[in-house]
C-alpha atoms as a PDB file:
ATOM      1  CA  UNK A   1     -25.780  27.667  -1.100  1.00  0.00           C
ATOM      2  CA  UNK A   2     -22.699  25.734  -2.176  1.00  0.00           C
ATOM      3  CA  UNK A   3     -19.207  25.355  -0.761  1.00  0.00           C
ATOM      4  CA  UNK A   4     -16.001  24.293  -2.446  1.00  0.00           C
ATOM      5  CA  UNK A   5     -15.936  20.860  -0.800  1.00  0.00           C
ATOM      6  CA  UNK A   6     -12.783  19.788  -2.601  1.00  0.00           C
ATOM      7  CA  UNK A   7     -11.110  21.827   0.147  1.00  0.00           C
ATOM      8  CA  UNK A   8     -11.809  18.936   2.514  1.00  0.00           C
ATOM      9  CA  UNK A   9      -8.572  17.363   1.288  1.00  0.00           C
ATOM     10  CA  UNK A  10      -6.754  20.665   1.150  1.00  0.00           C
ATOM     11  CA  UNK A  11      -4.644  20.408   4.269  1.00  0.00           C
ATOM     12  CA  UNK A  12      -2.948  17.093   3.569  1.00  0.00           C
ATOM     13  CA  UNK A  13      -2.632  17.755  -0.151  1.00  0.00           C
ATOM     14  CA  UNK A  14      -1.208  21.233   0.232  1.00  0.00           C
ATOM     15  CA  UNK A  15       1.355  20.195   2.756  1.00  0.00           C
ATOM     16  CA  UNK A  16       2.872  17.683   0.358  1.00  0.00           C
ATOM     17  CA  UNK A  17       3.084  19.832  -2.789  1.00  0.00           C
ATOM     18  CA  UNK A  18       6.329  20.892  -4.418  1.00  0.00           C
ATOM     19  CA  UNK A  19       8.062  23.447  -6.574  1.00  0.00           C
ATOM     20  CA  UNK A  20      11.875  23.786  -6.738  1.00  0.00           C
ATOM     21  CA  UNK A  21      13.357  27.205  -5.919  1.00  0.00           C
ATOM     22  CA  UNK A  22      16.267  28.296  -3.733  1.00  0.00           C
ATOM     23  CA  UNK A  23      15.715  30.046  -0.397  1.00  0.00           C
ATOM     24  CA  UNK A  24      15.365  29.358   3.330  1.00  0.00           C
ATOM     25  CA  UNK A  25      13.162  29.968   6.401  1.00  0.00           C
ATOM     26  CA  UNK A  26       9.571  31.225   6.778  1.00  0.00           C
ATOM     27  CA  UNK A  27       8.911  33.994   4.258  1.00  0.00           C
ATOM     28  CA  UNK A  28       7.195  37.194   5.367  1.00  0.00           C
ATOM     29  CA  UNK A  29       6.537  35.543   8.736  1.00  0.00           C
ATOM     30  CA  UNK A  30       4.725  38.521  10.286  1.00  0.00           C
ATOM     31  CA  UNK A  31       2.783  39.426   7.127  1.00  0.00           C
ATOM     32  CA  UNK A  32       4.257  42.900   6.917  1.00  0.00           C
ATOM     33  CA  UNK A  33       4.670  43.014   3.139  1.00  0.00           C
ATOM     34  CA  UNK A  34       1.657  42.789   0.795  1.00  0.00           C
ATOM     35  CA  UNK A  35       1.251  43.011  -2.957  1.00  0.00           C
ATOM     36  CA  UNK A  36      -1.850  42.622  -5.118  1.00  0.00           C
ATOM     37  CA  UNK A  37      -4.002  42.008  -2.056  1.00  0.00           C
ATOM     38  CA  UNK A  38      -1.922  39.049  -0.783  1.00  0.00           C
ATOM     39  CA  UNK A  39       0.993  38.771   1.638  1.00  0.00           C
ATOM     40  CA  UNK A  40       4.216  38.454  -0.365  1.00  0.00           C
ATOM     41  CA  UNK A  41       5.402  34.823  -0.727  1.00  0.00           C
ATOM     42  CA  UNK A  42       2.000  33.561   0.440  1.00  0.00           C
ATOM     43  CA  UNK A  43      -1.097  32.556  -1.512  1.00  0.00           C
ATOM     44  CA  UNK A  44      -4.797  32.789  -0.702  1.00  0.00           C
ATOM     45  CA  UNK A  45      -8.281  31.926  -1.949  1.00  0.00           C
ATOM     46  CA  UNK A  46      -8.836  35.565  -2.957  1.00  0.00           C
ATOM     47  CA  UNK A  47     -10.442  35.918  -6.409  1.00  0.00           C
ATOM     48  CA  UNK A  48     -13.218  37.869  -8.141  1.00  0.00           C
ATOM     49  CA  UNK A  49     -16.349  37.883  -5.956  1.00  0.00           C
ATOM     50  CA  UNK A  50     -14.397  36.514  -2.955  1.00  0.00           C
ATOM     51  CA  UNK A  51     -11.908  38.394  -0.771  1.00  0.00           C
ATOM     52  CA  UNK A  52     -11.161  35.854   1.927  1.00  0.00           C
ATOM     53  CA  UNK A  53      -7.740  37.000   3.205  1.00  0.00           C
ATOM     54  CA  UNK A  54      -6.932  40.631   4.016  1.00  0.00           C
ATOM     55  CA  UNK A  55      -4.277  42.739   5.701  1.00  0.00           C
ATOM     56  CA  UNK A  56      -5.376  43.835   9.187  1.00  0.00           C
ATOM     57  CA  UNK A  57      -3.594  46.689  10.923  1.00  0.00           C
ATOM     58  CA  UNK A  58      -6.047  47.164  13.789  1.00  0.00           C
ATOM     59  CA  UNK A  59      -4.383  44.951  16.397  1.00  0.00           C
ATOM     60  CA  UNK A  60      -1.357  43.023  15.104  1.00  0.00           C
ATOM     61  CA  UNK A  61       0.541  40.735  17.431  1.00  0.00           C
ATOM     62  CA  UNK A  62       3.842  41.822  15.858  1.00  0.00           C
ATOM     63  CA  UNK A  63       4.795  44.682  13.561  1.00  0.00           C
ATOM     64  CA  UNK A  64       2.137  46.680  11.728  1.00  0.00           C
ATOM     65  CA  UNK A  65      -0.112  43.995  10.247  1.00  0.00           C
ATOM     66  CA  UNK A  66      -1.562  40.524  10.675  1.00  0.00           C
ATOM     67  CA  UNK A  67      -3.368  38.305   8.161  1.00  0.00           C
ATOM     68  CA  UNK A  68      -7.144  37.922   8.555  1.00  0.00           C
ATOM     69  CA  UNK A  69      -8.909  34.886   7.045  1.00  0.00           C
ATOM     70  CA  UNK A  70     -12.683  35.032   6.570  1.00  0.00           C
ATOM     71  CA  UNK A  71     -15.407  32.733   5.229  1.00  0.00           C
ATOM     72  CA  UNK A  72     -17.148  34.755   2.507  1.00  0.00           C
ATOM     73  CA  UNK A  73     -20.586  33.956   1.045  1.00  0.00           C
ATOM     74  CA  UNK A  74     -21.497  35.715  -2.201  1.00  0.00           C
ATOM     75  CA  UNK A  75     -24.327  35.560  -4.693  1.00  0.00           C
ATOM     76  CA  UNK A  76     -22.916  35.558  -8.225  1.00  0.00           C
ATOM     77  CA  UNK A  77     -25.469  36.946 -10.711  1.00  0.00           C
ATOM     78  CA  UNK A  78     -27.128  34.271 -12.861  1.00  0.00           C
ATOM     79  CA  UNK A  79     -24.987  31.568 -11.235  1.00  0.00           C
ATOM     80  CA  UNK A  80     -25.893  31.078  -7.575  1.00  0.00           C
ATOM     81  CA  UNK A  81     -24.792  31.606  -3.989  1.00  0.00           C
ATOM     82  CA  UNK A  82     -21.448  30.166  -2.915  1.00  0.00           C
ATOM     83  CA  UNK A  83     -19.221  30.133   0.161  1.00  0.00           C
ATOM     84  CA  UNK A  84     -15.450  30.334   0.002  1.00  0.00           C
ATOM     85  CA  UNK A  85     -13.210  29.517   2.991  1.00  0.00           C
ATOM     86  CA  UNK A  86     -10.263  31.629   3.990  1.00  0.00           C
ATOM     87  CA  UNK A  87      -7.049  29.780   3.121  1.00  0.00           C
ATOM     88  CA  UNK A  88      -3.492  31.046   3.560  1.00  0.00           C
ATOM     89  CA  UNK A  89      -0.610  28.930   2.293  1.00  0.00           C
ATOM     90  CA  UNK A  90       2.958  28.995   1.042  1.00  0.00           C
ATOM     91  CA  UNK A  91       1.717  26.831  -1.868  1.00  0.00           C
ATOM     92  CA  UNK A  92      -0.075  28.248  -4.897  1.00  0.00           C
ATOM     93  CA  UNK A  93      -3.879  27.972  -4.730  1.00  0.00           C
ATOM     94  CA  UNK A  94      -6.460  27.974  -7.485  1.00  0.00           C
ATOM     95  CA  UNK A  95     -10.162  27.501  -6.722  1.00  0.00           C
ATOM     96  CA  UNK A  96     -12.908  27.302  -9.349  1.00  0.00           C
ATOM     97  CA  UNK A  97     -15.985  27.834  -7.231  1.00  0.00           C
ATOM     98  CA  UNK A  98     -18.377  27.467 -10.163  1.00  0.00           C
ATOM     99  CA  UNK A  99     -17.139  24.022 -11.169  1.00  0.00           C
ATOM    100  CA  UNK A 100     -16.352  23.048  -7.558  1.00  0.00           C
ATOM    101  CA  UNK A 101     -12.726  22.239  -8.411  1.00  0.00           C
ATOM    102  CA  UNK A 102      -9.451  23.068  -6.773  1.00  0.00           C
ATOM    103  CA  UNK A 103      -5.817  23.005  -7.835  1.00  0.00           C
ATOM    104  CA  UNK A 104      -2.699  23.427  -5.748  1.00  0.00           C
ATOM    105  CA  UNK A 105       0.949  23.417  -6.666  1.00  0.00           C
ATOM    106  CA  UNK A 106       4.267  24.770  -5.471  1.00  0.00           C
ATOM    107  CA  UNK A 107       5.790  25.248  -2.081  1.00  0.00           C
ATOM    108  CA  UNK A 108       8.525  27.290  -0.474  1.00  0.00           C
ATOM    109  CA  UNK A 109      12.153  26.081  -0.723  1.00  0.00           C
ATOM    110  CA  UNK A 110      13.552  24.957   2.597  1.00  0.00           C
ATOM    111  CA  UNK A 111      16.381  22.689   3.756  1.00  0.00           C
ATOM    112  CA  UNK A 112      16.213  22.960   7.560  1.00  0.00           C
ATOM    113  CA  UNK A 113      14.847  20.432  10.045  1.00  0.00           C
ATOM    114  CA  UNK A 114      13.048  22.345  12.833  1.00  0.00           C
ATOM    115  CA  UNK A 115      11.081  20.681  15.623  1.00  0.00           C
ATOM    116  CA  UNK A 116       8.067  23.005  15.795  1.00  0.00           C
ATOM    117  CA  UNK A 117       6.156  25.711  13.979  1.00  0.00           C
ATOM    118  CA  UNK A 118       5.186  28.516  16.364  1.00  0.00           C
ATOM    119  CA  UNK A 119       3.008  31.577  16.003  1.00  0.00           C
ATOM    120  CA  UNK A 120      -0.011  33.502  17.255  1.00  0.00           C
ATOM    121  CA  UNK A 121      -3.687  33.344  16.299  1.00  0.00           C
ATOM    122  CA  UNK A 122      -7.146  34.669  17.124  1.00  0.00           C
ATOM    123  CA  UNK A 123     -10.418  33.029  16.137  1.00  0.00           C
ATOM    124  CA  UNK A 124     -14.080  34.082  15.935  1.00  0.00           C
ATOM    125  CA  UNK A 125     -16.105  31.074  14.731  1.00  0.00           C
ATOM    126  CA  UNK A 126     -19.682  31.042  13.481  1.00  0.00           C
ATOM    127  CA  UNK A 127     -21.951  28.017  14.136  1.00  0.00           C
ATOM    128  CA  UNK A 128     -19.391  26.110  16.221  1.00  0.00           C
ATOM    129  CA  UNK A 129     -16.778  26.314  13.478  1.00  0.00           C
ATOM    130  CA  UNK A 130     -13.229  24.910  13.722  1.00  0.00           C
ATOM    131  CA  UNK A 131      -9.996  26.082  12.128  1.00  0.00           C
ATOM    132  CA  UNK A 132      -7.180  23.832  10.921  1.00  0.00           C
ATOM    133  CA  UNK A 133      -3.508  24.583  10.370  1.00  0.00           C
ATOM    134  CA  UNK A 134      -0.342  22.629   9.775  1.00  0.00           C
ATOM    135  CA  UNK A 135       3.009  22.332   8.074  1.00  0.00           C
ATOM    136  CA  UNK A 136       5.067  19.751   6.265  1.00  0.00           C
ATOM    137  CA  UNK A 137       8.538  19.174   4.862  1.00  0.00           C
ATOM    138  CA  UNK A 138       9.082  17.113   1.731  1.00  0.00           C
ATOM    139  CA  UNK A 139      11.719  16.145  -0.811  1.00  0.00           C
ATOM    140  CA  UNK A 140      11.666  15.203  -4.463  1.00  0.00           C
ATOM    141  CA  UNK A 141      13.807  12.153  -5.147  1.00  0.00           C
ATOM    142  CA  UNK A 142      13.774   9.121  -7.441  1.00  0.00           C
ATOM    143  CA  UNK A 143      10.881  10.509  -9.433  1.00  0.00           C
ATOM    144  CA  UNK A 144       8.524  10.919  -6.484  1.00  0.00           C
ATOM    145  CA  UNK A 145       7.864  13.260  -3.579  1.00  0.00           C
ATOM    146  CA  UNK A 146       8.710  11.863  -0.156  1.00  0.00           C
ATOM    147  CA  UNK A 147       7.138  13.288   2.999  1.00  0.00           C
ATOM    148  CA  UNK A 148       9.980  14.131   5.376  1.00  0.00           C
ATOM    149  CA  UNK A 149       7.732  15.260   8.221  1.00  0.00           C
ATOM    150  CA  UNK A 150       4.227  16.499   8.995  1.00  0.00           C
ATOM    151  CA  UNK A 151       2.452  18.317  11.821  1.00  0.00           C
ATOM    152  CA  UNK A 152      -1.035  19.790  12.197  1.00  0.00           C
ATOM    153  CA  UNK A 153      -3.505  21.140  14.766  1.00  0.00           C
ATOM    154  CA  UNK A 154      -7.043  22.486  15.026  1.00  0.00           C
ATOM    155  CA  UNK A 155      -8.852  24.961  17.263  1.00  0.00           C
ATOM    156  CA  UNK A 156     -12.487  25.547  18.136  1.00  0.00           C
ATOM    157  CA  UNK A 157     -14.188  28.126  20.303  1.00  0.00           C
ATOM    158  CA  UNK A 158     -13.749  31.881  20.405  1.00  0.00           C
ATOM    159  CA  UNK A 159     -10.182  33.172  20.895  1.00  0.00           C
ATOM    160  CA  UNK A 160     -10.426  36.961  21.210  1.00  0.00           C
ATOM    161  CA  UNK A 161      -6.861  37.618  22.354  1.00  0.00           C
ATOM    162  CA  UNK A 162      -3.671  36.684  20.588  1.00  0.00           C
ATOM    163  CA  UNK A 163      -2.854  33.136  21.636  1.00  0.00           C
ATOM    164  CA  UNK A 164       0.480  31.424  21.190  1.00  0.00           C
ATOM    165  CA  UNK A 165       0.602  28.009  19.499  1.00  0.00           C
ATOM    166  CA  UNK A 166       3.237  25.426  18.700  1.00  0.00           C
ATOM    167  CA  UNK A 167       2.872  22.529  16.269  1.00  0.00           C
ATOM    168  CA  UNK A 168       5.508  19.783  16.612  1.00  0.00           C
ATOM    169  CA  UNK A 169       6.489  17.871  13.514  1.00  0.00           C
ATOM    170  CA  UNK A 170       6.684  14.097  13.268  1.00  0.00           C
ATOM    171  CA  UNK A 171       9.609  13.132  11.089  1.00  0.00           C
ATOM    172  CA  UNK A 172       9.040  10.097   8.879  1.00  0.00           C
ATOM    173  CA  UNK A 173      12.405  10.248   7.097  1.00  0.00           C
ATOM    174  CA  UNK A 174      15.563  11.719   8.569  1.00  0.00           C
ATOM    175  CA  UNK A 175      16.786  13.530   5.456  1.00  0.00           C
ATOM    176  CA  UNK A 176      17.049  17.205   4.564  1.00  0.00           C
ATOM    177  CA  UNK A 177      13.907  18.439   2.791  1.00  0.00           C
ATOM    178  CA  UNK A 178      13.865  20.713  -0.232  1.00  0.00           C
ATOM    179  CA  UNK A 179      10.350  22.128   0.233  1.00  0.00           C
ATOM    180  CA  UNK A 180       8.295  23.508   3.088  1.00  0.00           C
ATOM    181  CA  UNK A 181       4.542  24.144   3.147  1.00  0.00           C
ATOM    182  CA  UNK A 182       2.502  25.937   5.777  1.00  0.00           C
ATOM    183  CA  UNK A 183      -1.285  26.151   5.552  1.00  0.00           C
ATOM    184  CA  UNK A 184      -4.074  27.824   7.527  1.00  0.00           C
ATOM    185  CA  UNK A 185      -7.731  26.905   6.848  1.00  0.00           C
ATOM    186  CA  UNK A 186     -10.217  28.940   8.879  1.00  0.00           C
ATOM    187  CA  UNK A 187     -13.289  26.683   8.715  1.00  0.00           C
ATOM    188  CA  UNK A 188     -14.606  23.139   8.933  1.00  0.00           C
ATOM    189  CA  UNK A 189     -15.709  22.106   5.450  1.00  0.00           C
ATOM    190  CA  UNK A 190     -17.036  18.685   6.357  1.00  0.00           C
ATOM    191  CA  UNK A 191     -19.747  19.419   8.902  1.00  0.00           C
ATOM    192  CA  UNK A 192     -22.452  20.560   6.464  1.00  0.00           C
ATOM    193  CA  UNK A 193     -22.937  23.868   8.269  1.00  0.00           C
ATOM    194  CA  UNK A 194     -22.818  27.423   6.942  1.00  0.00           C
ATOM    195  CA  UNK A 195     -19.982  29.379   8.560  1.00  0.00           C
ATOM    196  CA  UNK A 196     -20.249  32.754   6.825  1.00  0.00           C
ATOM    197  CA  UNK A 197     -18.088  35.403   8.564  1.00  0.00           C
ATOM    198  CA  UNK A 198     -15.978  32.967  10.566  1.00  0.00           C
ATOM    199  CA  UNK A 199     -12.723  34.870  11.085  1.00  0.00           C
ATOM    200  CA  UNK A 200      -9.175  33.823  11.904  1.00  0.00           C
ATOM    201  CA  UNK A 201      -6.095  35.990  12.416  1.00  0.00           C
ATOM    202  CA  UNK A 202      -2.492  34.785  12.091  1.00  0.00           C
ATOM    203  CA  UNK A 203       0.753  36.579  12.933  1.00  0.00           C
ATOM    204  CA  UNK A 204       4.405  36.296  13.973  1.00  0.00           C
ATOM    205  CA  UNK A 205       5.324  32.806  12.770  1.00  0.00           C
ATOM    206  CA  UNK A 206       8.646  31.138  13.526  1.00  0.00           C
ATOM    207  CA  UNK A 207      10.421  27.802  13.547  1.00  0.00           C
ATOM    208  CA  UNK A 208      11.836  26.315  16.744  1.00  0.00           C
ATOM    209  CA  UNK A 209      14.903  24.111  16.584  1.00  0.00           C
ATOM    210  CA  UNK A 210      16.184  21.725  19.252  1.00  0.00           C
ATOM    211  CA  UNK A 211      16.471  20.739  21.991  1.00  0.00           C
ATOM    212  CA  UNK A 212      17.982  17.471  20.711  1.00  0.00           C
ATOM    213  CA  UNK A 213      19.901  17.292  17.453  1.00  0.00           C
ATOM    214  CA  UNK A 214      21.791  14.730  15.422  1.00  0.00           C
ATOM    215  CA  UNK A 215      25.050  15.475  13.631  1.00  0.00           C
ATOM    216  CA  UNK A 216      24.706  14.143  10.068  1.00  0.00           C
ATOM    217  CA  UNK A 217      21.741  12.727   8.223  1.00  0.00           C
ATOM    218  CA  UNK A 218      23.292  10.010   6.038  1.00  0.00           C
ATOM    219  CA  UNK A 219      23.060   6.463   7.425  1.00  0.00           C
ATOM    220  CA  UNK A 220      23.616   2.873   6.297  1.00  0.00           C
ATOM    221  CA  UNK A 221      20.747   1.445   4.247  1.00  0.00           C
ATOM    222  CA  UNK A 222      19.126  -0.520   7.088  1.00  0.00           C
ATOM    223  CA  UNK A 223      19.354   1.863  10.046  1.00  0.00           C
ATOM    224  CA  UNK A 224      18.247   5.406  10.826  1.00  0.00           C
ATOM    225  CA  UNK A 225      18.862   7.523  13.932  1.00  0.00           C
ATOM    226  CA  UNK A 226      16.934  10.682  14.658  1.00  0.00           C
ATOM    227  CA  UNK A 227      15.618  12.757  17.556  1.00  0.00           C
ATOM    228  CA  UNK A 228      12.209  13.722  18.878  1.00  0.00           C
ATOM    229  CA  UNK A 229      12.701  17.105  20.518  1.00  0.00           C
ATOM    230  CA  UNK A 230       9.276  17.062  22.169  1.00  0.00           C
ATOM    231  CA  UNK A 231       9.822  13.850  24.115  1.00  0.00           C
ATOM    232  CA  UNK A 232      13.623  14.275  24.286  1.00  0.00           C
ATOM    233  CA  UNK A 233      14.247  10.791  22.972  1.00  0.00           C
ATOM    234  CA  UNK A 234      16.616   9.372  20.404  1.00  0.00           C
ATOM    235  CA  UNK A 235      14.967   6.995  17.944  1.00  0.00           C
ATOM    236  CA  UNK A 236      16.764   4.086  16.282  1.00  0.00           C
ATOM    237  CA  UNK A 237      14.915   2.441  13.391  1.00  0.00           C
ATOM    238  CA  UNK A 238      16.151  -0.686  11.591  1.00  0.00           C
ATOM    239  CA  UNK A 239      14.911  -2.614   8.566  1.00  0.00           C
ATOM    240  CA  UNK A 240      17.011  -5.797   8.580  1.00  0.00           C
ATOM    241  CA  UNK A 241      15.606  -8.878   6.862  1.00  0.00           C
ATOM    242  CA  UNK A 242      16.933 -11.046   9.728  1.00  0.00           C
ATOM    243  CA  UNK A 243      17.240 -10.132  13.415  1.00  0.00           C
ATOM    244  CA  UNK A 244      20.560  -8.742  14.580  1.00  0.00           C
ATOM    245  CA  UNK A 245      21.796  -8.385  18.143  1.00  0.00           C
ATOM    246  CA  UNK A 246      22.799  -4.755  18.385  1.00  0.00           C
ATOM    247  CA  UNK A 247      24.563  -2.932  21.183  1.00  0.00           C
ATOM    248  CA  UNK A 248      23.537   0.680  21.755  1.00  0.00           C
ATOM    249  CA  UNK A 249      26.004   2.823  23.682  1.00  0.00           C
ATOM    250  CA  UNK A 250      25.866   6.466  24.685  1.00  0.00           C
ATOM    251  CA  UNK A 251      29.145   8.200  25.585  1.00  0.00           C
ATOM    252  CA  UNK A 252      30.022  11.620  26.923  1.00  0.00           C
ATOM    253  CA  UNK A 253      32.145  13.764  24.629  1.00  0.00           C
ATOM    254  CA  UNK A 254      35.095  12.769  26.850  1.00  0.00           C
ATOM    255  CA  UNK A 255      34.514   9.077  26.156  1.00  0.00           C
ATOM    256  CA  UNK A 256      32.809   8.030  29.423  1.00  0.00           C
ATOM    257  CA  UNK A 257      30.199   5.296  28.887  1.00  0.00           C
ATOM    258  CA  UNK A 258      26.834   6.579  30.123  1.00  0.00           C
ATOM    259  CA  UNK A 259      24.415   3.977  28.805  1.00  0.00           C
ATOM    260  CA  UNK A 260      24.605   0.513  27.207  1.00  0.00           C
ATOM    261  CA  UNK A 261      21.756  -1.684  26.004  1.00  0.00           C
ATOM    262  CA  UNK A 262      21.546  -4.878  23.937  1.00  0.00           C
ATOM    263  CA  UNK A 263      18.614  -5.244  21.560  1.00  0.00           C
ATOM    264  CA  UNK A 264      17.529  -7.833  19.001  1.00  0.00           C
ATOM    265  CA  UNK A 265      16.392  -5.731  16.051  1.00  0.00           C
ATOM    266  CA  UNK A 266      15.031  -6.451  12.577  1.00  0.00           C
ATOM    267  CA  UNK A 267      12.039  -4.343  11.442  1.00  0.00           C
ATOM    268  CA  UNK A 268      12.320  -2.513  14.748  1.00  0.00           C
ATOM    269  CA  UNK A 269      12.224   0.804  16.575  1.00  0.00           C
ATOM    270  CA  UNK A 270      14.045   1.527  19.823  1.00  0.00           C
ATOM    271  CA  UNK A 271      14.017   4.668  21.964  1.00  0.00           C
ATOM    272  CA  UNK A 272      16.679   6.195  24.198  1.00  0.00           C
ATOM    273  CA  UNK A 273      15.484   8.725  26.757  1.00  0.00           C
ATOM    274  CA  UNK A 274      17.966  11.631  27.047  1.00  0.00           C
ATOM    275  CA  UNK A 275      15.754  13.906  29.151  1.00  0.00           C
ATOM    276  CA  UNK A 276      17.964  13.460  32.233  1.00  0.00           C
ATOM    277  CA  UNK A 277      21.211  14.385  30.502  1.00  0.00           C
ATOM    278  CA  UNK A 278      22.715  17.848  30.833  1.00  0.00           C
ATOM    279  CA  UNK A 279      23.215  20.331  28.029  1.00  0.00           C
ATOM    280  CA  UNK A 280      26.174  19.282  25.919  1.00  0.00           C
ATOM    281  CA  UNK A 281      27.484  16.934  23.259  1.00  0.00           C
ATOM    282  CA  UNK A 282      27.330  13.129  23.380  1.00  0.00           C
ATOM    283  CA  UNK A 283      28.198  10.212  21.104  1.00  0.00           C
ATOM    284  CA  UNK A 284      25.712   7.464  20.206  1.00  0.00           C
ATOM    285  CA  UNK A 285      27.284   4.268  18.891  1.00  0.00           C
ATOM    286  CA  UNK A 286      25.515   1.238  17.396  1.00  0.00           C
ATOM    287  CA  UNK A 287      27.496  -2.011  17.038  1.00  0.00           C
ATOM    288  CA  UNK A 288      26.921  -5.564  15.852  1.00  0.00           C
ATOM    289  CA  UNK A 289      29.361  -7.596  17.939  1.00  0.00           C
ATOM    290  CA  UNK A 290      32.796  -6.108  17.247  1.00  0.00           C
ATOM    291  CA  UNK A 291      31.608  -4.286  14.134  1.00  0.00           C
ATOM    292  CA  UNK A 292      30.605  -0.664  14.534  1.00  0.00           C
ATOM    293  CA  UNK A 293      27.620   0.067  12.295  1.00  0.00           C
ATOM    294  CA  UNK A 294      27.185   3.762  12.912  1.00  0.00           C
ATOM    295  CA  UNK A 295      28.301   6.498  15.307  1.00  0.00           C
ATOM    296  CA  UNK A 296      26.627   9.868  15.684  1.00  0.00           C
ATOM    297  CA  UNK A 297      27.289  13.068  17.616  1.00  0.00           C
ATOM    298  CA  UNK A 298      24.242  14.082  19.702  1.00  0.00           C
ATOM    299  CA  UNK A 299      23.684  17.694  20.799  1.00  0.00           C
ATOM    300  CA  UNK A 300      21.363  18.546  23.703  1.00  0.00           C
ATOM    301  CA  UNK A 301      20.627  22.251  23.680  1.00  0.00           C
ATOM    302  CA  UNK A 302      18.609  22.566  26.929  1.00  0.00           C
END
């Protein structure tokens, strides 16, 4: 029995693919609308001989349906026996199980910068199987695709009841993306085991924004400021060729100085903990002596 082992690289590859369109937010997030055997605006590994993703109305977490992903093993006459994993993605998928090849392209248009992907899942593994899922934001610029941010997770063990999950994203570049990809893979393709009939259910997806936000995303060439909502920290990254003595100041919206720190920075990263500050708006200022380099409005939602 054979598996499409090119799927081993599926998660990372899928999350960084691209196709320009114009839209926003998670499409068909509760999998209520289906056409041609697939949820609208999503793509699957369904094909002749393999139906790996189906609409399930028996026990949805939200609305009338959820998406069920299943590992399917089929004997193709005069060819052989093959296993196909259940894959659900906002990118286009094309698997040639006979030639053991896989192609992926596209992605869903998106310009937001959320902190987490949230949703609900159930899982019934076979032979100690593991499911993988993740999401990424990217942007096409200067003839190449840049990864804006990436987050992923995995689950093992039986999950019979709908279980809530959140996947935080780690931003690598603080710029608006143009493409979003979400992917669910219901099986471990690298362990050499047969996982026929492993099942995964997914429903009620959403993006979570906050709690810490930055006003504006354009910065001088050698400095970037962004926020990590999970740890409630501001992050200042610099890429100066020579060290500079920088002063970091945090003000209330009324102009009261709340924090001041001096740092020698070149190829450096500094963190400012804002977990003890109340909900509201603040100003972060970075200066080099008497010269202000950048000033940003900081919003703390909760």
